[in-house]
Protein backbone atom coordinates (compact mmCIF):
# COMPACT_ATOMS: atom_id res chain seq x y z
CA MET A 1 0.01 -0.03 -0.12
CA ASN A 2 2.95 2.31 0.73
CA PHE A 3 4.12 1.92 -2.76
CA LYS A 4 0.90 3.07 -4.23
CA ILE A 5 0.91 6.15 -2.00
CA LEU A 6 4.39 6.94 -3.16
CA ILE A 7 3.39 6.60 -6.82
CA PHE A 8 0.32 8.73 -6.32
CA ALA A 9 2.29 11.40 -4.66
CA LEU A 10 4.98 11.45 -7.22
CA VAL A 11 2.49 11.72 -10.02
CA PHE A 12 1.09 14.92 -8.51
CA ALA A 13 4.56 16.31 -7.43
CA VAL A 14 5.99 16.17 -11.02
CA SER A 15 5.33 19.20 -13.08
CA PRO A 16 2.61 18.68 -15.74
CA TYR A 17 5.08 19.65 -18.30
CA ALA A 18 7.47 16.70 -17.37
CA PHE A 19 5.37 14.07 -19.15
CA ALA A 20 2.21 13.68 -21.19
CA VAL A 21 -0.35 10.88 -20.88
CA ASP A 22 -2.51 9.75 -23.60
CA TYR A 23 -5.55 8.76 -21.60
CA GLY A 24 -7.22 7.08 -24.61
CA LYS A 25 -4.35 4.75 -24.95
CA LEU A 26 -4.03 4.21 -21.37
CA SER A 27 -7.78 3.31 -21.25
CA ASP A 28 -7.34 0.88 -24.19
CA SER A 29 -4.55 -0.90 -22.22
CA VAL A 30 -7.26 -2.30 -19.88
CA ASP A 31 -9.42 -5.27 -20.58
CA LYS A 32 -12.58 -3.76 -19.11
CA GLU A 33 -14.25 -7.19 -18.48
CA LYS A 34 -11.30 -8.54 -16.73
CA ALA A 35 -11.11 -5.44 -14.76
CA SER A 36 -14.70 -5.53 -13.76
CA ASP A 37 -14.39 -9.05 -12.60
CA SER A 38 -11.57 -8.10 -10.29
CA VAL A 39 -13.97 -6.11 -8.22
CA ASP A 40 -16.13 -7.63 -5.51
CA LYS A 41 -19.20 -5.56 -5.94
CA ASP A 42 -20.71 -6.30 -2.58
CA LYS A 43 -17.54 -5.29 -0.78
CA LEU A 44 -17.40 -2.01 -2.90
CA LYS A 45 -21.13 -1.21 -1.96
CA GLY A 46 -20.22 -1.86 1.67
CA SER A 47 -17.61 0.88 1.47
CA VAL A 48 -20.15 3.51 0.77
CA SER A 49 -22.35 5.02 3.57
CA SER A 50 -24.28 8.19 4.45
CA ASP A 51 -20.84 9.37 5.96
CA GLY A 52 -19.17 9.09 2.48
CA VAL A 53 -16.78 6.59 1.05
CA ASP A 54 -14.33 4.37 3.11
CA TYR A 55 -11.42 4.34 0.55
CA ASN A 56 -9.61 1.57 2.37
CA LYS A 57 -12.73 -0.69 2.24
CA ALA A 58 -13.19 0.35 -1.36
CA ALA A 59 -9.51 -0.55 -2.19
CA ASP A 60 -9.86 -3.92 -0.39
CA SER A 61 -12.73 -4.82 -2.64
CA ILE A 62 -10.26 -5.21 -5.63
CA ASP A 63 -8.61 -8.57 -6.29
CA LYS A 64 -5.08 -7.04 -7.07
CA ASP A 65 -3.96 -10.30 -8.90
CA LYS A 66 -6.91 -10.28 -11.15
CA ALA A 67 -6.63 -6.37 -11.64
CA LYS A 68 -3.01 -6.69 -12.69
CA LYS A 69 -3.90 -9.37 -15.28
CA SER A 70 -6.42 -6.91 -16.77
CA VAL A 71 -3.77 -4.45 -17.92
CA ASP A 72 -1.50 -4.78 -21.00
CA VAL A 73 1.54 -3.34 -19.64
CA ASN A 74 3.31 -2.64 -23.15
CA LYS A 75 0.14 -0.78 -24.31
CA ALA A 76 -0.01 1.21 -21.10
CA LYS A 77 3.62 2.20 -21.45
CA GLY A 78 3.08 3.40 -24.79
CA ALA A 79 0.42 5.97 -23.37
CA PHE A 80 3.25 7.92 -21.55
CA GLY A 81 5.47 10.44 -23.44
CA TYR A 82 8.25 12.46 -21.85
């Protein structure tokens, strides 16, 4: 989990001029059916309450191994330009 936080922080810390992202290509690198299958919908629904969203519970609703298999890494790499 700490690695994800580090990546998230780095993306927002880097100047927007340092790299460009083709979000269309990035989206195309994900097999939507496999990605959808990686989410436990009942757990995800349980992460939402009248108080808002419990992001830890929402993240726990994702089967990380299945989610990884839903991404074509070579296509995803092609979405980033420096």
